[in-house]
Amino acid sequence: MKIAGYKIKALFIKDIKNLFRNPNVAFMLLLPIAFAFLYTHIMEMPDEAGMYVFNLCTILNMGVVPISIVAMSIAEEKEKNTLRTLMLSNVSAVEFMTAKLVLGIVMFLGVNVLVYFICGVDIALFPWTMFVIFVTSLSALMFGAVIGLISKDQMATGYYSTPVMLLFMAPIFGMMSESISKVTQFIPTQSMMWLQSIESAGDLMTGKGLFSIAVIAAWMIISLVVFKFVYKKNSLDN
């Protein structure tokens, strides 16, 4: 168990170094932060709009980090043939995938914490908000891993990830149209925003609260099933 932990840590550090050598990754990570700063400091949005801006940036971040960057990271290993070298170095598939998913979680939550404080959202809401965002991001991470597995190179990840990114980002348009929101209510990022807005634990047991939990749970199950199927069919080094 200790040895596996050391391997995952080493892979995580390696991935961090490799990703930050890629200017596209740095740009994608800075994009939600830049939007948050633009809307709250340059455009001088009212204080009560802080959570609204935060949600916009969170959904943007959800489409960028767990889906696109995780997929790129996996595809890069395949493209450069470093994946086979890792396997020959006694790195298991579980250790490899764990390091990639941890990388995605750390980067995603790191950006979201910065955006949270830039938007000036009430600090009392921080623990619950971050918990809901973390749970919602798990399905996005799994889909990002799926895209990485089916992509032959980094270029292909852009082709596969775009529809998934747009799907997770669809609630942005649902904020602007009630008719669109009737469709986006079945997307986990919409449920994420609903759960963030609850005022007490009792609200979780209401129809809207239970529906939101069910949607997020359903997407987690679907993403896990899809990942297992794709992994079994393609493996890592296909």
C-alpha atoms as a PDB file:
ATOM      1  CA  MET A   1       0.000   0.000   0.000  1.00  0.00           C
ATOM      2  CA  LYS A   2       2.858   2.368   0.880  1.00  0.00           C
ATOM      3  CA  ILE A   3       4.637   1.605  -2.390  1.00  0.00           C
ATOM      4  CA  ALA A   4       1.452   2.329  -4.359  1.00  0.00           C
ATOM      5  CA  GLY A   5       1.118   5.644  -2.529  1.00  0.00           C
ATOM      6  CA  TYR A   6       4.698   6.611  -3.431  1.00  0.00           C
ATOM      7  CA  LYS A   7       4.072   5.711  -7.085  1.00  0.00           C
ATOM      8  CA  ILE A   8       0.882   7.766  -7.241  1.00  0.00           C
ATOM      9  CA  LYS A   9       2.669  10.712  -5.627  1.00  0.00           C
ATOM     10  CA  ALA A  10       5.554  10.460  -8.109  1.00  0.00           C
ATOM     11  CA  LEU A  11       3.135  10.233 -11.047  1.00  0.00           C
ATOM     12  CA  PHE A  12       1.166  13.219  -9.715  1.00  0.00           C
ATOM     13  CA  ILE A  13       4.314  15.380  -9.469  1.00  0.00           C
ATOM     14  CA  LYS A  14       5.391  14.294 -12.951  1.00  0.00           C
ATOM     15  CA  ASP A  15       1.966  15.183 -14.366  1.00  0.00           C
ATOM     16  CA  ILE A  16       1.984  18.609 -12.727  1.00  0.00           C
ATOM     17  CA  LYS A  17       5.382  19.410 -14.263  1.00  0.00           C
ATOM     18  CA  ASN A  18       4.369  18.136 -17.690  1.00  0.00           C
ATOM     19  CA  LEU A  19       1.059  19.968 -17.784  1.00  0.00           C
ATOM     20  CA  PHE A  20       2.470  23.337 -16.810  1.00  0.00           C
ATOM     21  CA  ARG A  21       4.955  23.098 -19.670  1.00  0.00           C
ATOM     22  CA  ASN A  22       1.916  23.227 -21.939  1.00  0.00           C
ATOM     23  CA  PRO A  23       0.793  26.867 -22.463  1.00  0.00           C
ATOM     24  CA  ASN A  24      -2.722  25.700 -23.427  1.00  0.00           C
ATOM     25  CA  VAL A  25      -3.198  24.190 -19.957  1.00  0.00           C
ATOM     26  CA  ALA A  26      -2.102  27.383 -18.218  1.00  0.00           C
ATOM     27  CA  PHE A  27      -4.534  29.359 -20.400  1.00  0.00           C
ATOM     28  CA  MET A  28      -7.444  27.021 -19.611  1.00  0.00           C
ATOM     29  CA  LEU A  29      -6.750  27.169 -15.868  1.00  0.00           C
ATOM     30  CA  LEU A  30      -6.573  30.967 -15.898  1.00  0.00           C
ATOM     31  CA  LEU A  31      -9.765  31.393 -17.944  1.00  0.00           C
ATOM     32  CA  PRO A  32     -12.314  30.984 -15.067  1.00  0.00           C
ATOM     33  CA  ILE A  33     -10.123  33.111 -12.785  1.00  0.00           C
ATOM     34  CA  ALA A  34      -9.904  35.855 -15.410  1.00  0.00           C
ATOM     35  CA  PHE A  35     -13.683  35.804 -15.944  1.00  0.00           C
ATOM     36  CA  ALA A  36     -14.310  36.026 -12.192  1.00  0.00           C
ATOM     37  CA  PHE A  37     -11.980  39.016 -11.866  1.00  0.00           C
ATOM     38  CA  LEU A  38     -13.456  40.679 -14.945  1.00  0.00           C
ATOM     39  CA  TYR A  39     -17.067  40.422 -13.786  1.00  0.00           C
ATOM     40  CA  THR A  40     -16.508  41.304 -10.117  1.00  0.00           C
ATOM     41  CA  HIS A  41     -13.765  43.930 -10.246  1.00  0.00           C
ATOM     42  CA  ILE A  42     -13.685  45.526 -13.690  1.00  0.00           C
ATOM     43  CA  MET A  43     -17.400  45.441 -14.543  1.00  0.00           C
ATOM     44  CA  GLU A  44     -18.313  46.174 -10.890  1.00  0.00           C
ATOM     45  CA  MET A  45     -21.183  43.725 -10.505  1.00  0.00           C
ATOM     46  CA  PRO A  46     -23.364  44.216  -7.386  1.00  0.00           C
ATOM     47  CA  ASP A  47     -22.372  42.231  -4.279  1.00  0.00           C
ATOM     48  CA  GLU A  48     -25.447  39.979  -4.473  1.00  0.00           C
ATOM     49  CA  ALA A  49     -24.300  38.843  -7.937  1.00  0.00           C
ATOM     50  CA  GLY A  50     -21.232  37.143  -6.428  1.00  0.00           C
ATOM     51  CA  MET A  51     -22.784  33.663  -6.286  1.00  0.00           C
ATOM     52  CA  TYR A  52     -24.182  34.040  -9.802  1.00  0.00           C
ATOM     53  CA  VAL A  53     -20.729  34.887 -11.199  1.00  0.00           C
ATOM     54  CA  PHE A  54     -19.172  32.113  -9.121  1.00  0.00           C
ATOM     55  CA  ASN A  55     -21.572  29.561 -10.614  1.00  0.00           C
ATOM     56  CA  LEU A  56     -20.832  30.743 -14.136  1.00  0.00           C
ATOM     57  CA  CYS A  57     -17.093  30.374 -13.560  1.00  0.00           C
ATOM     58  CA  THR A  58     -17.534  27.021 -11.804  1.00  0.00           C
ATOM     59  CA  ILE A  59     -19.438  25.577 -14.752  1.00  0.00           C
ATOM     60  CA  LEU A  60     -16.785  26.928 -17.117  1.00  0.00           C
ATOM     61  CA  ASN A  61     -14.099  25.369 -14.920  1.00  0.00           C
ATOM     62  CA  MET A  62     -16.052  22.080 -14.866  1.00  0.00           C
ATOM     63  CA  GLY A  63     -15.888  21.924 -18.636  1.00  0.00           C
ATOM     64  CA  VAL A  64     -12.205  22.790 -18.783  1.00  0.00           C
ATOM     65  CA  VAL A  65     -10.353  20.900 -16.034  1.00  0.00           C
ATOM     66  CA  PRO A  66     -12.082  17.582 -15.229  1.00  0.00           C
ATOM     67  CA  ILE A  67     -13.037  16.949 -18.849  1.00  0.00           C
ATOM     68  CA  SER A  68     -10.528  18.585 -21.167  1.00  0.00           C
ATOM     69  CA  ILE A  69      -7.296  18.684 -19.165  1.00  0.00           C
ATOM     70  CA  VAL A  70      -7.653  15.172 -17.704  1.00  0.00           C
ATOM     71  CA  ALA A  71      -8.341  13.829 -21.207  1.00  0.00           C
ATOM     72  CA  MET A  72      -5.327  15.678 -22.616  1.00  0.00           C
ATOM     73  CA  SER A  73      -3.081  14.370 -19.852  1.00  0.00           C
ATOM     74  CA  ILE A  74      -3.996  10.731 -20.563  1.00  0.00           C
ATOM     75  CA  ALA A  75      -3.819  11.147 -24.346  1.00  0.00           C
ATOM     76  CA  GLU A  76      -0.413  12.829 -24.072  1.00  0.00           C
ATOM     77  CA  GLU A  77       1.040   9.751 -22.369  1.00  0.00           C
ATOM     78  CA  LYS A  78      -0.294   7.562 -25.190  1.00  0.00           C
ATOM     79  CA  GLU A  79       0.863   9.955 -27.896  1.00  0.00           C
ATOM     80  CA  LYS A  80       4.439  10.188 -26.594  1.00  0.00           C
ATOM     81  CA  ASN A  81       4.621   6.447 -25.812  1.00  0.00           C
ATOM     82  CA  THR A  82       5.527   7.191 -22.198  1.00  0.00           C
ATOM     83  CA  LEU A  83       2.573   5.104 -21.025  1.00  0.00           C
ATOM     84  CA  ARG A  84       4.210   1.867 -22.164  1.00  0.00           C
ATOM     85  CA  THR A  85       7.419   2.866 -20.368  1.00  0.00           C
ATOM     86  CA  LEU A  86       5.459   3.453 -17.150  1.00  0.00           C
ATOM     87  CA  MET A  87       3.827   0.025 -17.446  1.00  0.00           C
ATOM     88  CA  LEU A  88       7.232  -1.598 -17.920  1.00  0.00           C
ATOM     89  CA  SER A  89       8.397   0.306 -14.813  1.00  0.00           C
ATOM     90  CA  ASN A  90       5.870  -1.624 -12.710  1.00  0.00           C
ATOM     91  CA  VAL A  91       3.221   1.126 -12.626  1.00  0.00           C
ATOM     92  CA  SER A  92      -0.251  -0.417 -12.579  1.00  0.00           C
ATOM     93  CA  ALA A  93      -3.250   0.903 -14.494  1.00  0.00           C
ATOM     94  CA  VAL A  94      -5.015   1.705 -11.198  1.00  0.00           C
ATOM     95  CA  GLU A  95      -2.050   3.782  -9.977  1.00  0.00           C
ATOM     96  CA  PHE A  96      -1.844   5.587 -13.319  1.00  0.00           C
ATOM     97  CA  MET A  97      -5.551   6.457 -13.421  1.00  0.00           C
ATOM     98  CA  THR A  98      -5.625   7.419  -9.729  1.00  0.00           C
ATOM     99  CA  ALA A  99      -2.818   9.930 -10.278  1.00  0.00           C
ATOM    100  CA  LYS A 100      -4.668  11.453 -13.247  1.00  0.00           C
ATOM    101  CA  LEU A 101      -7.953  11.772 -11.344  1.00  0.00           C
ATOM    102  CA  VAL A 102      -6.243  13.262  -8.280  1.00  0.00           C
ATOM    103  CA  LEU A 103      -4.519  15.745 -10.569  1.00  0.00           C
ATOM    104  CA  GLY A 104      -7.872  16.758 -12.034  1.00  0.00           C
ATOM    105  CA  ILE A 105      -9.505  17.147  -8.621  1.00  0.00           C
ATOM    106  CA  VAL A 106      -6.651  19.222  -7.179  1.00  0.00           C
ATOM    107  CA  MET A 107      -6.505  21.600 -10.154  1.00  0.00           C
ATOM    108  CA  PHE A 108     -10.284  21.914 -10.389  1.00  0.00           C
ATOM    109  CA  LEU A 109     -10.837  22.645  -6.701  1.00  0.00           C
ATOM    110  CA  GLY A 110      -7.756  24.901  -6.562  1.00  0.00           C
ATOM    111  CA  VAL A 111      -9.152  27.119  -9.314  1.00  0.00           C
ATOM    112  CA  ASN A 112     -12.596  27.091  -7.707  1.00  0.00           C
ATOM    113  CA  VAL A 113     -11.260  28.199  -4.330  1.00  0.00           C
ATOM    114  CA  LEU A 114      -9.548  31.181  -5.981  1.00  0.00           C
ATOM    115  CA  VAL A 115     -12.711  32.051  -7.919  1.00  0.00           C
ATOM    116  CA  TYR A 116     -14.793  31.759  -4.726  1.00  0.00           C
ATOM    117  CA  PHE A 117     -12.763  34.414  -2.919  1.00  0.00           C
ATOM    118  CA  ILE A 118     -12.482  36.640  -5.989  1.00  0.00           C
ATOM    119  CA  CYS A 119     -16.283  36.653  -6.267  1.00  0.00           C
ATOM    120  CA  GLY A 120     -16.592  37.525  -2.580  1.00  0.00           C
ATOM    121  CA  VAL A 121     -19.177  34.843  -1.751  1.00  0.00           C
ATOM    122  CA  ASP A 122     -20.134  34.466   1.921  1.00  0.00           C
ATOM    123  CA  ILE A 123     -17.409  32.426   3.658  1.00  0.00           C
ATOM    124  CA  ALA A 124     -20.044  30.616   5.748  1.00  0.00           C
ATOM    125  CA  LEU A 125     -21.213  28.864   2.580  1.00  0.00           C
ATOM    126  CA  PHE A 126     -17.710  27.713   1.614  1.00  0.00           C
ATOM    127  CA  PRO A 127     -17.643  24.135   3.088  1.00  0.00           C
ATOM    128  CA  TRP A 128     -21.036  23.092   1.722  1.00  0.00           C
ATOM    129  CA  THR A 129     -20.461  24.767  -1.658  1.00  0.00           C
ATOM    130  CA  MET A 130     -17.085  23.074  -2.179  1.00  0.00           C
ATOM    131  CA  PHE A 131     -18.487  19.697  -1.106  1.00  0.00           C
ATOM    132  CA  VAL A 132     -21.333  19.905  -3.643  1.00  0.00           C
ATOM    133  CA  ILE A 133     -18.930  21.019  -6.383  1.00  0.00           C
ATOM    134  CA  PHE A 134     -16.504  18.204  -5.566  1.00  0.00           C
ATOM    135  CA  VAL A 135     -19.190  15.506  -5.724  1.00  0.00           C
ATOM    136  CA  THR A 136     -20.586  16.919  -8.983  1.00  0.00           C
ATOM    137  CA  SER A 137     -17.126  17.011 -10.569  1.00  0.00           C
ATOM    138  CA  LEU A 138     -16.613  13.254 -10.106  1.00  0.00           C
ATOM    139  CA  SER A 139     -18.796  12.377 -13.086  1.00  0.00           C
ATOM    140  CA  ALA A 140     -17.009  15.000 -15.213  1.00  0.00           C
ATOM    141  CA  LEU A 141     -13.652  13.512 -14.191  1.00  0.00           C
ATOM    142  CA  MET A 142     -14.749  10.034 -15.252  1.00  0.00           C
ATOM    143  CA  PHE A 143     -15.926  11.327 -18.627  1.00  0.00           C
ATOM    144  CA  GLY A 144     -12.602  13.128 -19.024  1.00  0.00           C
ATOM    145  CA  ALA A 145     -10.812   9.838 -18.373  1.00  0.00           C
ATOM    146  CA  VAL A 146     -13.053   8.101 -20.949  1.00  0.00           C
ATOM    147  CA  ILE A 147     -12.166  10.701 -23.576  1.00  0.00           C
ATOM    148  CA  GLY A 148      -8.481  10.244 -22.805  1.00  0.00           C
ATOM    149  CA  LEU A 149      -8.811   6.472 -23.230  1.00  0.00           C
ATOM    150  CA  ILE A 150     -10.550   6.632 -26.614  1.00  0.00           C
ATOM    151  CA  SER A 151      -8.314   9.399 -28.023  1.00  0.00           C
ATOM    152  CA  LYS A 152      -5.205   8.449 -29.963  1.00  0.00           C
ATOM    153  CA  ASP A 153      -3.554  11.825 -29.370  1.00  0.00           C
ATOM    154  CA  GLN A 154      -4.116  15.234 -27.786  1.00  0.00           C
ATOM    155  CA  MET A 155      -5.650  16.621 -30.968  1.00  0.00           C
ATOM    156  CA  ALA A 156      -8.385  13.995 -30.840  1.00  0.00           C
ATOM    157  CA  THR A 157      -9.349  14.956 -27.283  1.00  0.00           C
ATOM    158  CA  GLY A 158     -10.595  18.316 -28.542  1.00  0.00           C
ATOM    159  CA  TYR A 159     -12.938  16.573 -30.971  1.00  0.00           C
ATOM    160  CA  TYR A 160     -14.378  14.212 -28.335  1.00  0.00           C
ATOM    161  CA  SER A 161     -14.413  16.584 -25.361  1.00  0.00           C
ATOM    162  CA  THR A 162     -16.268  19.498 -26.987  1.00  0.00           C
ATOM    163  CA  PRO A 163     -19.773  17.896 -26.934  1.00  0.00           C
ATOM    164  CA  VAL A 164     -19.295  16.749 -23.321  1.00  0.00           C
ATOM    165  CA  MET A 165     -18.038  20.198 -22.269  1.00  0.00           C
ATOM    166  CA  LEU A 166     -21.031  21.867 -23.911  1.00  0.00           C
ATOM    167  CA  LEU A 167     -23.362  19.428 -22.155  1.00  0.00           C
ATOM    168  CA  PHE A 168     -21.961  20.234 -18.709  1.00  0.00           C
ATOM    169  CA  MET A 169     -21.933  23.958 -19.519  1.00  0.00           C
ATOM    170  CA  ALA A 170     -25.537  23.996 -20.845  1.00  0.00           C
ATOM    171  CA  PRO A 171     -26.989  25.314 -17.512  1.00  0.00           C
ATOM    172  CA  ILE A 172     -25.299  28.640 -18.275  1.00  0.00           C
ATOM    173  CA  PHE A 173     -27.909  29.088 -21.004  1.00  0.00           C
ATOM    174  CA  GLY A 174     -30.574  27.695 -18.670  1.00  0.00           C
ATOM    175  CA  MET A 175     -29.947  30.707 -16.421  1.00  0.00           C
ATOM    176  CA  MET A 176     -31.097  32.926 -19.265  1.00  0.00           C
ATOM    177  CA  SER A 177     -34.148  30.982 -20.431  1.00  0.00           C
ATOM    178  CA  GLU A 178     -36.830  29.181 -18.435  1.00  0.00           C
ATOM    179  CA  SER A 179     -37.628  26.843 -21.342  1.00  0.00           C
ATOM    180  CA  ILE A 180     -33.986  25.764 -21.618  1.00  0.00           C
ATOM    181  CA  SER A 181     -33.795  25.241 -17.846  1.00  0.00           C
ATOM    182  CA  LYS A 182     -36.515  22.581 -18.149  1.00  0.00           C
ATOM    183  CA  VAL A 183     -34.031  20.511 -20.160  1.00  0.00           C
ATOM    184  CA  THR A 184     -30.882  21.422 -18.225  1.00  0.00           C
ATOM    185  CA  GLN A 185     -32.471  20.309 -14.940  1.00  0.00           C
ATOM    186  CA  PHE A 186     -31.332  16.806 -15.881  1.00  0.00           C
ATOM    187  CA  ILE A 187     -27.678  17.921 -16.120  1.00  0.00           C
ATOM    188  CA  PRO A 188     -25.583  17.617 -12.923  1.00  0.00           C
ATOM    189  CA  THR A 189     -24.214  21.155 -13.046  1.00  0.00           C
ATOM    190  CA  GLN A 190     -27.771  22.489 -12.841  1.00  0.00           C
ATOM    191  CA  SER A 191     -28.449  20.327  -9.789  1.00  0.00           C
ATOM    192  CA  MET A 192     -25.159  21.523  -8.336  1.00  0.00           C
ATOM    193  CA  MET A 193     -26.389  25.122  -8.442  1.00  0.00           C
ATOM    194  CA  TRP A 194     -29.712  24.169  -6.877  1.00  0.00           C
ATOM    195  CA  LEU A 195     -28.014  22.349  -3.994  1.00  0.00           C
ATOM    196  CA  GLN A 196     -25.703  25.311  -3.365  1.00  0.00           C
ATOM    197  CA  SER A 197     -28.724  27.547  -2.891  1.00  0.00           C
ATOM    198  CA  ILE A 198     -30.372  25.520  -0.097  1.00  0.00           C
ATOM    199  CA  GLU A 199     -30.660  27.362   3.193  1.00  0.00           C
ATOM    200  CA  SER A 200     -30.977  24.457   5.639  1.00  0.00           C
ATOM    201  CA  ALA A 201     -30.429  20.701   5.889  1.00  0.00           C
ATOM    202  CA  GLY A 202     -34.180  20.215   5.822  1.00  0.00           C
ATOM    203  CA  ASP A 203     -34.282  21.631   2.279  1.00  0.00           C
ATOM    204  CA  LEU A 204     -32.434  18.525   1.089  1.00  0.00           C
ATOM    205  CA  MET A 205     -35.552  16.489   1.821  1.00  0.00           C
ATOM    206  CA  THR A 206     -37.771  18.648  -0.376  1.00  0.00           C
ATOM    207  CA  GLY A 207     -38.733  17.593  -3.891  1.00  0.00           C
ATOM    208  CA  LYS A 208     -36.168  19.872  -5.513  1.00  0.00           C
ATOM    209  CA  GLY A 209     -33.415  18.779  -3.140  1.00  0.00           C
ATOM    210  CA  LEU A 210     -34.055  15.061  -3.609  1.00  0.00           C
ATOM    211  CA  PHE A 211     -34.331  15.490  -7.374  1.00  0.00           C
ATOM    212  CA  SER A 212     -30.965  17.292  -7.475  1.00  0.00           C
ATOM    213  CA  ILE A 213     -29.293  14.559  -5.431  1.00  0.00           C
ATOM    214  CA  ALA A 214     -30.821  11.896  -7.694  1.00  0.00           C
ATOM    215  CA  VAL A 215     -29.560  13.629 -10.862  1.00  0.00           C
ATOM    216  CA  ILE A 216     -25.991  13.949  -9.551  1.00  0.00           C
ATOM    217  CA  ALA A 217     -26.000  10.340  -8.296  1.00  0.00           C
ATOM    218  CA  ALA A 218     -27.378   9.070 -11.627  1.00  0.00           C
ATOM    219  CA  TRP A 219     -24.647  10.851 -13.580  1.00  0.00           C
ATOM    220  CA  MET A 220     -21.979   9.442 -11.257  1.00  0.00           C
ATOM    221  CA  ILE A 221     -23.279   5.914 -11.854  1.00  0.00           C
ATOM    222  CA  ILE A 222     -23.556   6.452 -15.626  1.00  0.00           C
ATOM    223  CA  SER A 223     -20.033   7.873 -15.850  1.00  0.00           C
ATOM    224  CA  LEU A 224     -18.611   4.971 -13.838  1.00  0.00           C
ATOM    225  CA  VAL A 225     -20.393   2.380 -16.014  1.00  0.00           C
ATOM    226  CA  VAL A 226     -19.193   4.094 -19.206  1.00  0.00           C
ATOM    227  CA  PHE A 227     -15.640   4.302 -17.851  1.00  0.00           C
ATOM    228  CA  LYS A 228     -15.572   0.605 -16.911  1.00  0.00           C
ATOM    229  CA  PHE A 229     -16.929  -0.383 -20.330  1.00  0.00           C
ATOM    230  CA  VAL A 230     -14.458   1.792 -22.256  1.00  0.00           C
ATOM    231  CA  TYR A 231     -11.537   0.751 -20.073  1.00  0.00           C
ATOM    232  CA  LYS A 232     -12.355  -2.923 -20.508  1.00  0.00           C
ATOM    233  CA  LYS A 233     -12.637  -2.480 -24.263  1.00  0.00           C
ATOM    234  CA  ASN A 234      -9.628  -0.199 -24.856  1.00  0.00           C
ATOM    235  CA  SER A 235      -7.463  -0.641 -21.758  1.00  0.00           C
ATOM    236  CA  LEU A 236      -4.715   1.966 -21.370  1.00  0.00           C
ATOM    237  CA  ASP A 237      -2.185   0.870 -23.919  1.00  0.00           C
ATOM    238  CA  ASN A 238      -4.310  -0.079 -26.899  1.00  0.00           C
END
